[in-house]
Amino acid sequence: AGGDLDVSFHRLAQTDAVLAARGVFLREAIEQELRAAGFGRSDKVYAA
C-alpha cells in the first residue's frame, strides 16, 4: 500500500490454550477466524 508492505493486525476470538489444543489443525482454526474477519480473498495467500 503506497509502496510499503501492507500488514494487517487481527486479534482472534479464541484463547491461546483453546487454539493450541487444536494441535496440527491450528492453522485451520486461524484461517477460519481470519476468513470470518474478511481476510478470505481467493486471489491472495495470507502469511499469518
All heavy atoms as atom14 arrays in JSON, in Angstrom:
{
  "sequence": "AGGDLDVSFHRLAQTDAVLAARGVFLREAIEQELRAAGFGRSDKVYAA",
  "atom14_mask": [
    [1, 1, 1, 1, 1, 0, 0, 0, 0, 0, 0, 0, 0, 0],
    [1, 1, 1, 1, 0, 0, 0, 0, 0, 0, 0, 0, 0, 0],
    [1, 1, 1, 1, 0, 0, 0, 0, 0, 0, 0, 0, 0, 0],
    [1, 1, 1, 1, 1, 1, 1, 1, 0, 0, 0, 0, 0, 0],
    [1, 1, 1, 1, 1, 1, 1, 1, 0, 0, 0, 0, 0, 0],
    [1, 1, 1, 1, 1, 1, 1, 1, 0, 0, 0, 0, 0, 0],
    [1, 1, 1, 1, 1, 1, 1, 0, 0, 0, 0, 0, 0, 0],
    [1, 1, 1, 1, 1, 1, 0, 0, 0, 0, 0, 0, 0, 0],
    [1, 1, 1, 1, 1, 1, 1, 1, 1, 1, 1, 0, 0, 0],
    [1, 1, 1, 1, 1, 1, 1, 1, 1, 1, 0, 0, 0, 0],
    [1, 1, 1, 1, 1, 1, 1, 1, 1, 1, 1, 0, 0, 0],
    [1, 1, 1, 1, 1, 1, 1, 1, 0, 0, 0, 0, 0, 0],
    [1, 1, 1, 1, 1, 0, 0, 0, 0, 0, 0, 0, 0, 0],
    [1, 1, 1, 1, 1, 1, 1, 1, 1, 0, 0, 0, 0, 0],
    [1, 1, 1, 1, 1, 1, 1, 0, 0, 0, 0, 0, 0, 0],
    [1, 1, 1, 1, 1, 1, 1, 1, 0, 0, 0, 0, 0, 0],
    [1, 1, 1, 1, 1, 0, 0, 0, 0, 0, 0, 0, 0, 0],
    [1, 1, 1, 1, 1, 1, 1, 0, 0, 0, 0, 0, 0, 0],
    [1, 1, 1, 1, 1, 1, 1, 1, 0, 0, 0, 0, 0, 0],
    [1, 1, 1, 1, 1, 0, 0, 0, 0, 0, 0, 0, 0, 0],
    [1, 1, 1, 1, 1, 0, 0, 0, 0, 0, 0, 0, 0, 0],
    [1, 1, 1, 1, 1, 1, 1, 1, 1, 1, 1, 0, 0, 0],
    [1, 1, 1, 1, 0, 0, 0, 0, 0, 0, 0, 0, 0, 0],
    [1, 1, 1, 1, 1, 1, 1, 0, 0, 0, 0, 0, 0, 0],
    [1, 1, 1, 1, 1, 1, 1, 1, 1, 1, 1, 0, 0, 0],
    [1, 1, 1, 1, 1, 1, 1, 1, 0, 0, 0, 0, 0, 0],
    [1, 1, 1, 1, 1, 1, 1, 1, 1, 1, 1, 0, 0, 0],
    [1, 1, 1, 1, 1, 1, 1, 1, 1, 0, 0, 0, 0, 0],
    [1, 1, 1, 1, 1, 0, 0, 0, 0, 0, 0, 0, 0, 0],
    [1, 1, 1, 1, 1, 1, 1, 1, 0, 0, 0, 0, 0, 0],
    [1, 1, 1, 1, 1, 1, 1, 1, 1, 0, 0, 0, 0, 0],
    [1, 1, 1, 1, 1, 1, 1, 1, 1, 0, 0, 0, 0, 0],
    [1, 1, 1, 1, 1, 1, 1, 1, 1, 0, 0, 0, 0, 0],
    [1, 1, 1, 1, 1, 1, 1, 1, 0, 0, 0, 0, 0, 0],
    [1, 1, 1, 1, 1, 1, 1, 1, 1, 1, 1, 0, 0, 0],
    [1, 1, 1, 1, 1, 0, 0, 0, 0, 0, 0, 0, 0, 0],
    [1, 1, 1, 1, 1, 0, 0, 0, 0, 0, 0, 0, 0, 0],
    [1, 1, 1, 1, 0, 0, 0, 0, 0, 0, 0, 0, 0, 0],
    [1, 1, 1, 1, 1, 1, 1, 1, 1, 1, 1, 0, 0, 0],
    [1, 1, 1, 1, 0, 0, 0, 0, 0, 0, 0, 0, 0, 0],
    [1, 1, 1, 1, 1, 1, 1, 1, 1, 1, 1, 0, 0, 0],
    [1, 1, 1, 1, 1, 1, 0, 0, 0, 0, 0, 0, 0, 0],
    [1, 1, 1, 1, 1, 1, 1, 1, 0, 0, 0, 0, 0, 0],
    [1, 1, 1, 1, 1, 1, 1, 1, 1, 0, 0, 0, 0, 0],
    [1, 1, 1, 1, 1, 1, 1, 0, 0, 0, 0, 0, 0, 0],
    [1, 1, 1, 1, 1, 1, 1, 1, 1, 1, 1, 1, 0, 0],
    [1, 1, 1, 1, 1, 0, 0, 0, 0, 0, 0, 0, 0, 0],
    [1, 1, 1, 1, 1, 0, 0, 0, 0, 0, 0, 0, 0, 0]
  ],
  "atom14_positions": [
    [[0.87, -1.18, 0.0], [0.0, 0.0, 0.0], [0.91, 1.23, 0.0], [1.69, 1.42, 0.93], [-0.92, 0.01, 1.23], [0.0, 0.0, 0.0], [0.0, 0.0, 0.0], [0.0, 0.0, 0.0], [0.0, 0.0, 0.0], [0.0, 0.0, 0.0], [0.0, 0.0, 0.0], [0.0, 0.0, 0.0], [0.0, 0.0, 0.0], [0.0, 0.0, 0.0]],
    [[0.84, 2.01, -1.04], [1.72, 3.16, -1.15], [3.18, 2.78, -1.23], [4.05, 3.57, -0.83], [0.0, 0.0, 0.0], [0.0, 0.0, 0.0], [0.0, 0.0, 0.0], [0.0, 0.0, 0.0], [0.0, 0.0, 0.0], [0.0, 0.0, 0.0], [0.0, 0.0, 0.0], [0.0, 0.0, 0.0], [0.0, 0.0, 0.0], [0.0, 0.0, 0.0]],
    [[3.46, 1.57, -1.73], [4.83, 1.13, -1.9], [5.4, 0.38, -0.71], [6.48, -0.19, -0.81], [0.0, 0.0, 0.0], [0.0, 0.0, 0.0], [0.0, 0.0, 0.0], [0.0, 0.0, 0.0], [0.0, 0.0, 0.0], [0.0, 0.0, 0.0], [0.0, 0.0, 0.0], [0.0, 0.0, 0.0], [0.0, 0.0, 0.0], [0.0, 0.0, 0.0]],
    [[4.7, 0.37, 0.42], [5.17, -0.32, 1.61], [4.35, -1.59, 1.85], [3.18, -1.67, 1.46], [5.06, 0.58, 2.84], [5.97, 1.8, 2.75], [7.13, 1.64, 2.32], [5.51, 2.9, 3.1], [0.0, 0.0, 0.0], [0.0, 0.0, 0.0], [0.0, 0.0, 0.0], [0.0, 0.0, 0.0], [0.0, 0.0, 0.0], [0.0, 0.0, 0.0]],
    [[4.97, -2.56, 2.48], [4.29, -3.82, 2.76], [3.04, -3.56, 3.59], [3.07, -2.88, 4.61], [5.23, -4.76, 3.52], [4.66, -6.16, 3.8], [4.57, -6.97, 2.5], [5.54, -6.89, 4.82], [0.0, 0.0, 0.0], [0.0, 0.0, 0.0], [0.0, 0.0, 0.0], [0.0, 0.0, 0.0], [0.0, 0.0, 0.0], [0.0, 0.0, 0.0]],
    [[1.92, -4.1, 3.13], [0.65, -3.97, 3.85], [0.54, -5.12, 4.85], [0.42, -6.28, 4.45], [-0.52, -4.0, 2.87], [-1.86, -3.72, 3.54], [-1.87, -3.38, 4.74], [-2.89, -3.85, 2.86], [0.0, 0.0, 0.0], [0.0, 0.0, 0.0], [0.0, 0.0, 0.0], [0.0, 0.0, 0.0], [0.0, 0.0, 0.0], [0.0, 0.0, 0.0]],
    [[0.61, -4.8, 6.12], [0.49, -5.8, 7.19], [-0.76, -5.48, 7.99], [-0.9, -4.37, 8.5], [1.72, -5.78, 8.12], [1.6, -6.89, 9.17], [3.01, -5.95, 7.32], [0.0, 0.0, 0.0], [0.0, 0.0, 0.0], [0.0, 0.0, 0.0], [0.0, 0.0, 0.0], [0.0, 0.0, 0.0], [0.0, 0.0, 0.0], [0.0, 0.0, 0.0]],
    [[-1.67, -6.44, 8.09], [-2.89, -6.25, 8.88], [-2.73, -6.89, 10.25], [-2.04, -7.9, 10.4], [-4.09, -6.87, 8.17], [-4.3, -6.28, 6.91], [0.0, 0.0, 0.0], [0.0, 0.0, 0.0], [0.0, 0.0, 0.0], [0.0, 0.0, 0.0], [0.0, 0.0, 0.0], [0.0, 0.0, 0.0], [0.0, 0.0, 0.0], [0.0, 0.0, 0.0]],
    [[-3.39, -6.29, 11.24], [-3.42, -6.84, 12.59], [-4.78, -7.44, 12.86], [-5.82, -6.88, 12.49], [-3.14, -5.74, 13.62], [-3.35, -6.19, 15.05], [-2.37, -6.9, 15.71], [-4.53, -5.89, 15.73], [-2.56, -7.32, 17.02], [-4.73, -6.31, 17.03], [-3.73, -7.02, 17.69], [0.0, 0.0, 0.0], [0.0, 0.0, 0.0], [0.0, 0.0, 0.0]],
    [[-4.79, -8.61, 13.52], [-6.08, -9.2, 13.91], [-5.92, -9.95, 15.23], [-5.01, -10.75, 15.39], [-6.6, -10.16, 12.85], [-7.97, -10.69, 13.17], [-9.1, -9.9, 13.11], [-8.38, -11.91, 13.6], [-10.15, -10.62, 13.46], [-9.74, -11.83, 13.77], [0.0, 0.0, 0.0], [0.0, 0.0, 0.0], [0.0, 0.0, 0.0], [0.0, 0.0, 0.0]],
    [[-6.83, -9.64, 16.16], [-6.89, -10.4, 17.42], [-8.01, -11.43, 17.3], [-9.16, -11.08, 17.0], [-7.15, -9.47, 18.61], [-7.15, -10.22, 19.95], [-7.3, -9.28, 21.13], [-6.12, -8.48, 21.39], [-5.06, -8.9, 22.07], [-5.02, -10.14, 22.55], [-4.03, -8.1, 22.27], [0.0, 0.0, 0.0], [0.0, 0.0, 0.0], [0.0, 0.0, 0.0]],
    [[-7.67, -12.68, 17.51], [-8.62, -13.76, 17.38], [-9.59, -13.79, 18.56], [-9.32, -13.22, 19.62], [-7.89, -15.1, 17.29], [-6.89, -15.23, 16.12], [-6.1, -16.53, 16.24], [-7.61, -15.16, 14.79], [0.0, 0.0, 0.0], [0.0, 0.0, 0.0], [0.0, 0.0, 0.0], [0.0, 0.0, 0.0], [0.0, 0.0, 0.0], [0.0, 0.0, 0.0]],
    [[-10.72, -14.46, 18.38], [-11.73, -14.56, 19.43], [-11.42, -15.66, 20.43], [-11.91, -15.64, 21.56], [-13.1, -14.8, 18.81], [0.0, 0.0, 0.0], [0.0, 0.0, 0.0], [0.0, 0.0, 0.0], [0.0, 0.0, 0.0], [0.0, 0.0, 0.0], [0.0, 0.0, 0.0], [0.0, 0.0, 0.0], [0.0, 0.0, 0.0], [0.0, 0.0, 0.0]],
    [[-10.6, -16.64, 20.03], [-10.3, -17.77, 20.91], [-8.98, -17.55, 21.64], [-8.09, -16.85, 21.16], [-10.22, -19.05, 20.08], [-11.52, -19.4, 19.37], [-11.4, -20.69, 18.58], [-11.45, -21.77, 19.13], [-11.24, -20.55, 17.27], [0.0, 0.0, 0.0], [0.0, 0.0, 0.0], [0.0, 0.0, 0.0], [0.0, 0.0, 0.0], [0.0, 0.0, 0.0]],
    [[-8.86, -18.17, 22.82], [-7.67, -18.02, 23.64], [-6.52, -18.87, 23.11], [-6.71, -19.78, 22.31], [-7.94, -18.43, 25.09], [-8.23, -19.83, 25.12], [-9.11, -17.64, 25.67], [0.0, 0.0, 0.0], [0.0, 0.0, 0.0], [0.0, 0.0, 0.0], [0.0, 0.0, 0.0], [0.0, 0.0, 0.0], [0.0, 0.0, 0.0], [0.0, 0.0, 0.0]],
    [[-5.35, -18.57, 23.6], [-4.15, -19.3, 23.21], [-4.3, -20.79, 23.53], [-3.97, -21.64, 22.7], [-2.94, -18.72, 23.93], [-1.64, -19.41, 23.54], [-1.17, -19.17, 22.41], [-1.12, -20.21, 24.34], [0.0, 0.0, 0.0], [0.0, 0.0, 0.0], [0.0, 0.0, 0.0], [0.0, 0.0, 0.0], [0.0, 0.0, 0.0], [0.0, 0.0, 0.0]],
    [[-4.82, -21.11, 24.71], [-4.93, -22.52, 25.12], [-5.91, -23.28, 24.24], [-5.65, -24.42, 23.84], [-5.36, -22.61, 26.58], [0.0, 0.0, 0.0], [0.0, 0.0, 0.0], [0.0, 0.0, 0.0], [0.0, 0.0, 0.0], [0.0, 0.0, 0.0], [0.0, 0.0, 0.0], [0.0, 0.0, 0.0], [0.0, 0.0, 0.0], [0.0, 0.0, 0.0]],
    [[-7.04, -22.64, 23.94], [-8.04, -23.29, 23.09], [-7.48, -23.54, 21.69], [-7.66, -24.61, 21.11], [-9.32, -22.43, 23.01], [-10.26, -22.94, 21.93], [-10.03, -22.43, 24.36], [0.0, 0.0, 0.0], [0.0, 0.0, 0.0], [0.0, 0.0, 0.0], [0.0, 0.0, 0.0], [0.0, 0.0, 0.0], [0.0, 0.0, 0.0], [0.0, 0.0, 0.0]],
    [[-6.77, -22.56, 21.17], [-6.19, -22.71, 19.84], [-5.07, -23.74, 19.83], [-4.99, -24.57, 18.92], [-5.68, -21.36, 19.34], [-6.78, -20.37, 18.97], [-6.23, -18.95, 18.89], [-7.42, -20.75, 17.65], [0.0, 0.0, 0.0], [0.0, 0.0, 0.0], [0.0, 0.0, 0.0], [0.0, 0.0, 0.0], [0.0, 0.0, 0.0], [0.0, 0.0, 0.0]],
    [[-4.22, -23.72, 20.86], [-3.13, -24.69, 20.92], [-3.66, -26.11, 20.99], [-3.02, -27.05, 20.5], [-2.23, -24.39, 22.11], [0.0, 0.0, 0.0], [0.0, 0.0, 0.0], [0.0, 0.0, 0.0], [0.0, 0.0, 0.0], [0.0, 0.0, 0.0], [0.0, 0.0, 0.0], [0.0, 0.0, 0.0], [0.0, 0.0, 0.0], [0.0, 0.0, 0.0]],
    [[-4.82, -26.28, 21.61], [-5.42, -27.61, 21.73], [-5.83, -28.18, 20.38], [-6.08, -29.39, 20.26], [-6.63, -27.57, 22.66], [0.0, 0.0, 0.0], [0.0, 0.0, 0.0], [0.0, 0.0, 0.0], [0.0, 0.0, 0.0], [0.0, 0.0, 0.0], [0.0, 0.0, 0.0], [0.0, 0.0, 0.0], [0.0, 0.0, 0.0], [0.0, 0.0, 0.0]],
    [[-5.88, -27.34, 19.34], [-6.2, -27.84, 18.0], [-5.05, -28.62, 17.39], [-5.2, -29.26, 16.35], [-6.59, -26.67, 17.09], [-7.88, -25.97, 17.47], [-9.1, -26.84, 17.24], [-9.27, -27.23, 15.85], [-9.94, -26.53, 14.94], [-10.51, -25.37, 15.3], [-10.04, -26.94, 13.7], [0.0, 0.0, 0.0], [0.0, 0.0, 0.0], [0.0, 0.0, 0.0]],
    [[-3.88, -28.55, 18.02], [-2.73, -29.33, 17.56], [-2.36, -29.01, 16.13], [-2.18, -27.85, 15.76], [0.0, 0.0, 0.0], [0.0, 0.0, 0.0], [0.0, 0.0, 0.0], [0.0, 0.0, 0.0], [0.0, 0.0, 0.0], [0.0, 0.0, 0.0], [0.0, 0.0, 0.0], [0.0, 0.0, 0.0], [0.0, 0.0, 0.0], [0.0, 0.0, 0.0]],
    [[-2.25, -30.06, 15.3], [-1.82, -29.86, 13.92], [-2.89, -29.13, 13.09], [-2.62, -28.74, 11.95], [-1.47, -31.2, 13.25], [-0.27, -31.83, 13.93], [-2.66, -32.15, 13.26], [0.0, 0.0, 0.0], [0.0, 0.0, 0.0], [0.0, 0.0, 0.0], [0.0, 0.0, 0.0], [0.0, 0.0, 0.0], [0.0, 0.0, 0.0], [0.0, 0.0, 0.0]],
    [[-4.07, -28.93, 13.65], [-5.12, -28.21, 12.94], [-5.23, -26.75, 13.4], [-6.24, -26.09, 13.16], [-6.47, -28.92, 13.12], [-6.48, -30.31, 12.53], [-6.39, -31.42, 13.35], [-6.55, -30.48, 11.16], [-6.39, -32.7, 12.81], [-6.55, -31.75, 10.61], [-6.47, -32.87, 11.44], [0.0, 0.0, 0.0], [0.0, 0.0, 0.0], [0.0, 0.0, 0.0]],
    [[-4.18, -26.25, 14.03], [-4.16, -24.86, 14.46], [-4.3, -23.92, 13.26], [-5.02, -22.92, 13.33], [-2.87, -24.57, 15.23], [-2.58, -23.12, 15.6], [-3.71, -22.53, 16.43], [-1.25, -23.02, 16.35], [0.0, 0.0, 0.0], [0.0, 0.0, 0.0], [0.0, 0.0, 0.0], [0.0, 0.0, 0.0], [0.0, 0.0, 0.0], [0.0, 0.0, 0.0]],
    [[-3.62, -24.22, 12.19], [-3.7, -23.37, 11.01], [-5.14, -23.22, 10.53], [-5.59, -22.11, 10.2], [-2.83, -23.94, 9.88], [-2.72, -23.0, 8.67], [-2.41, -23.76, 7.4], [-3.54, -24.59, 6.99], [-4.58, -24.14, 6.3], [-4.63, -22.87, 5.93], [-5.58, -24.94, 5.97], [0.0, 0.0, 0.0], [0.0, 0.0, 0.0], [0.0, 0.0, 0.0]],
    [[-5.87, -24.32, 10.52], [-7.25, -24.27, 10.07], [-8.11, -23.4, 10.99], [-9.0, -22.67, 10.52], [-7.83, -25.68, 9.99], [-7.38, -26.5, 8.79], [-5.96, -27.06, 8.92], [-5.32, -26.84, 9.97], [-5.48, -27.69, 7.97], [0.0, 0.0, 0.0], [0.0, 0.0, 0.0], [0.0, 0.0, 0.0], [0.0, 0.0, 0.0], [0.0, 0.0, 0.0]],
    [[-7.85, -23.45, 12.29], [-8.59, -22.62, 13.24], [-8.32, -21.14, 13.0], [-9.22, -20.3, 13.04], [-8.24, -23.01, 14.67], [0.0, 0.0, 0.0], [0.0, 0.0, 0.0], [0.0, 0.0, 0.0], [0.0, 0.0, 0.0], [0.0, 0.0, 0.0], [0.0, 0.0, 0.0], [0.0, 0.0, 0.0], [0.0, 0.0, 0.0], [0.0, 0.0, 0.0]],
    [[-7.05, -20.81, 12.75], [-6.68, -19.42, 12.45], [-7.33, -18.97, 11.16], [-7.9, -17.88, 11.08], [-5.15, -19.28, 12.38], [-4.52, -19.53, 13.76], [-4.76, -17.89, 11.86], [-3.01, -19.62, 13.74], [0.0, 0.0, 0.0], [0.0, 0.0, 0.0], [0.0, 0.0, 0.0], [0.0, 0.0, 0.0], [0.0, 0.0, 0.0], [0.0, 0.0, 0.0]],
    [[-7.28, -19.81, 10.15], [-7.87, -19.44, 8.86], [-9.37, -19.2, 8.98], [-9.91, -18.26, 8.38], [-7.61, -20.52, 7.81], [-8.29, -20.21, 6.49], [-7.71, -20.94, 5.3], [-6.55, -21.39, 5.38], [-8.41, -21.04, 4.29], [0.0, 0.0, 0.0], [0.0, 0.0, 0.0], [0.0, 0.0, 0.0], [0.0, 0.0, 0.0], [0.0, 0.0, 0.0]],
    [[-10.05, -20.04, 9.75], [-11.5, -19.88, 9.9], [-11.84, -18.5, 10.47], [-12.76, -17.83, 10.0], [-12.05, -20.98, 10.81], [-13.56, -20.95, 10.97], [-14.07, -22.1, 11.81], [-13.31, -22.77, 12.52], [-15.36, -22.35, 11.75], [0.0, 0.0, 0.0], [0.0, 0.0, 0.0], [0.0, 0.0, 0.0], [0.0, 0.0, 0.0], [0.0, 0.0, 0.0]],
    [[-11.09, -18.08, 11.49], [-11.36, -16.77, 12.09], [-10.97, -15.63, 11.15], [-11.67, -14.62, 11.05], [-10.64, -16.64, 13.43], [-11.26, -17.47, 14.54], [-11.04, -16.83, 15.91], [-11.09, -15.59, 16.0], [-10.8, -17.59, 16.87], [0.0, 0.0, 0.0], [0.0, 0.0, 0.0], [0.0, 0.0, 0.0], [0.0, 0.0, 0.0], [0.0, 0.0, 0.0]],
    [[-9.85, -15.78, 10.46], [-9.42, -14.73, 9.54], [-10.42, -14.56, 8.4], [-10.74, -13.45, 7.99], [-8.03, -15.04, 8.99], [-6.87, -14.91, 9.97], [-5.56, -15.33, 9.3], [-6.76, -13.48, 10.5], [0.0, 0.0, 0.0], [0.0, 0.0, 0.0], [0.0, 0.0, 0.0], [0.0, 0.0, 0.0], [0.0, 0.0, 0.0], [0.0, 0.0, 0.0]],
    [[-10.93, -15.68, 7.91], [-11.91, -15.61, 6.83], [-13.17, -14.87, 7.29], [-13.72, -14.04, 6.57], [-12.24, -17.02, 6.35], [-13.17, -17.07, 5.15], [-13.27, -18.5, 4.63], [-11.98, -18.95, 4.15], [-11.48, -18.65, 2.96], [-12.18, -17.9, 2.12], [-10.3, -19.09, 2.59], [0.0, 0.0, 0.0], [0.0, 0.0, 0.0], [0.0, 0.0, 0.0]],
    [[-13.61, -15.18, 8.51], [-14.8, -14.52, 9.05], [-14.57, -13.02, 9.23], [-15.52, -12.22, 9.19], [-15.2, -15.16, 10.37], [0.0, 0.0, 0.0], [0.0, 0.0, 0.0], [0.0, 0.0, 0.0], [0.0, 0.0, 0.0], [0.0, 0.0, 0.0], [0.0, 0.0, 0.0], [0.0, 0.0, 0.0], [0.0, 0.0, 0.0], [0.0, 0.0, 0.0]],
    [[-13.31, -12.63, 9.42], [-12.97, -11.22, 9.62], [-12.74, -10.48, 8.31], [-12.41, -9.29, 8.32], [-11.73, -11.1, 10.51], [0.0, 0.0, 0.0], [0.0, 0.0, 0.0], [0.0, 0.0, 0.0], [0.0, 0.0, 0.0], [0.0, 0.0, 0.0], [0.0, 0.0, 0.0], [0.0, 0.0, 0.0], [0.0, 0.0, 0.0], [0.0, 0.0, 0.0]],
    [[-12.89, -11.18, 7.19], [-12.75, -10.52, 5.9], [-11.47, -10.81, 5.15], [-11.26, -10.29, 4.05], [0.0, 0.0, 0.0], [0.0, 0.0, 0.0], [0.0, 0.0, 0.0], [0.0, 0.0, 0.0], [0.0, 0.0, 0.0], [0.0, 0.0, 0.0], [0.0, 0.0, 0.0], [0.0, 0.0, 0.0], [0.0, 0.0, 0.0], [0.0, 0.0, 0.0]],
    [[-10.6, -11.64, 5.74], [-9.35, -12.0, 5.07], [-9.54, -13.35, 4.37], [-9.08, -14.38, 4.85], [-8.2, -12.06, 6.08], [-7.95, -10.76, 6.79], [-8.39, -10.58, 8.1], [-7.31, -9.71, 6.15], [-8.17, -9.38, 8.76], [-7.09, -8.51, 6.81], [-7.53, -8.34, 8.11], [0.0, 0.0, 0.0], [0.0, 0.0, 0.0], [0.0, 0.0, 0.0]],
    [[-10.23, -13.3, 3.24], [-10.55, -14.55, 2.57], [-10.59, -14.45, 1.06], [-11.24, -15.28, 0.42], [0.0, 0.0, 0.0], [0.0, 0.0, 0.0], [0.0, 0.0, 0.0], [0.0, 0.0, 0.0], [0.0, 0.0, 0.0], [0.0, 0.0, 0.0], [0.0, 0.0, 0.0], [0.0, 0.0, 0.0], [0.0, 0.0, 0.0], [0.0, 0.0, 0.0]],
    [[-9.92, -13.48, 0.49], [-9.93, -13.36, -0.97], [-9.25, -14.55, -1.63], [-8.16, -14.96, -1.21], [-9.26, -12.05, -1.41], [-10.13, -10.83, -1.24], [-9.43, -9.55, -1.63], [-8.7, -9.63, -2.9], [-8.1, -8.59, -3.46], [-8.15, -7.4, -2.89], [-7.45, -8.74, -4.6], [0.0, 0.0, 0.0], [0.0, 0.0, 0.0], [0.0, 0.0, 0.0]],
    [[-9.87, -15.1, -2.65], [-9.34, -16.3, -3.29], [-8.08, -16.03, -4.09], [-7.37, -16.98, -4.44], [-10.41, -16.92, -4.19], [-10.79, -16.03, -5.22], [0.0, 0.0, 0.0], [0.0, 0.0, 0.0], [0.0, 0.0, 0.0], [0.0, 0.0, 0.0], [0.0, 0.0, 0.0], [0.0, 0.0, 0.0], [0.0, 0.0, 0.0], [0.0, 0.0, 0.0]],
    [[-7.79, -14.77, -4.4], [-6.58, -14.45, -5.16], [-5.42, -14.03, -4.27], [-4.41, -13.52, -4.75], [-6.86, -13.36, -6.19], [-7.31, -12.03, -5.56], [-7.69, -12.04, -4.37], [-7.27, -11.0, -6.26], [0.0, 0.0, 0.0], [0.0, 0.0, 0.0], [0.0, 0.0, 0.0], [0.0, 0.0, 0.0], [0.0, 0.0, 0.0], [0.0, 0.0, 0.0]],
    [[-5.56, -14.26, -2.96], [-4.47, -13.91, -2.04], [-4.07, -15.11, -1.2], [-4.9, -15.94, -0.83], [-4.88, -12.76, -1.12], [-5.02, -11.42, -1.83], [-5.1, -10.25, -0.87], [-5.13, -8.93, -1.64], [-5.08, -7.76, -0.75], [0.0, 0.0, 0.0], [0.0, 0.0, 0.0], [0.0, 0.0, 0.0], [0.0, 0.0, 0.0], [0.0, 0.0, 0.0]],
    [[-2.78, -15.18, -0.92], [-2.26, -16.07, 0.1], [-1.98, -15.2, 1.32], [-1.33, -14.15, 1.22], [-0.97, -16.77, -0.37], [-0.29, -17.48, 0.79], [-1.28, -17.77, -1.48], [0.0, 0.0, 0.0], [0.0, 0.0, 0.0], [0.0, 0.0, 0.0], [0.0, 0.0, 0.0], [0.0, 0.0, 0.0], [0.0, 0.0, 0.0], [0.0, 0.0, 0.0]],
    [[-2.49, -15.61, 2.48], [-2.33, -14.83, 3.71], [-1.2, -15.43, 4.55], [-1.28, -16.57, 5.0], [-3.65, -14.81, 4.48], [-4.74, -14.06, 3.75], [-5.62, -14.73, 2.91], [-4.85, -12.68, 3.86], [-6.6, -14.03, 2.21], [-5.82, -11.98, 3.15], [-6.69, -12.67, 2.34], [-7.65, -11.97, 1.63], [0.0, 0.0, 0.0], [0.0, 0.0, 0.0]],
    [[-0.14, -14.64, 4.71], [1.01, -15.05, 5.51], [0.82, -14.53, 6.93], [1.05, -13.36, 7.2], [2.31, -14.51, 4.9], [0.0, 0.0, 0.0], [0.0, 0.0, 0.0], [0.0, 0.0, 0.0], [0.0, 0.0, 0.0], [0.0, 0.0, 0.0], [0.0, 0.0, 0.0], [0.0, 0.0, 0.0], [0.0, 0.0, 0.0], [0.0, 0.0, 0.0]],
    [[0.37, -15.42, 7.82], [-0.01, -15.02, 9.17], [1.11, -15.32, 10.16], [1.49, -16.48, 10.35], [-1.29, -15.75, 9.59], [0.0, 0.0, 0.0], [0.0, 0.0, 0.0], [0.0, 0.0, 0.0], [0.0, 0.0, 0.0], [0.0, 0.0, 0.0], [0.0, 0.0, 0.0], [0.0, 0.0, 0.0], [0.0, 0.0, 0.0], [0.0, 0.0, 0.0]]
  ]
}
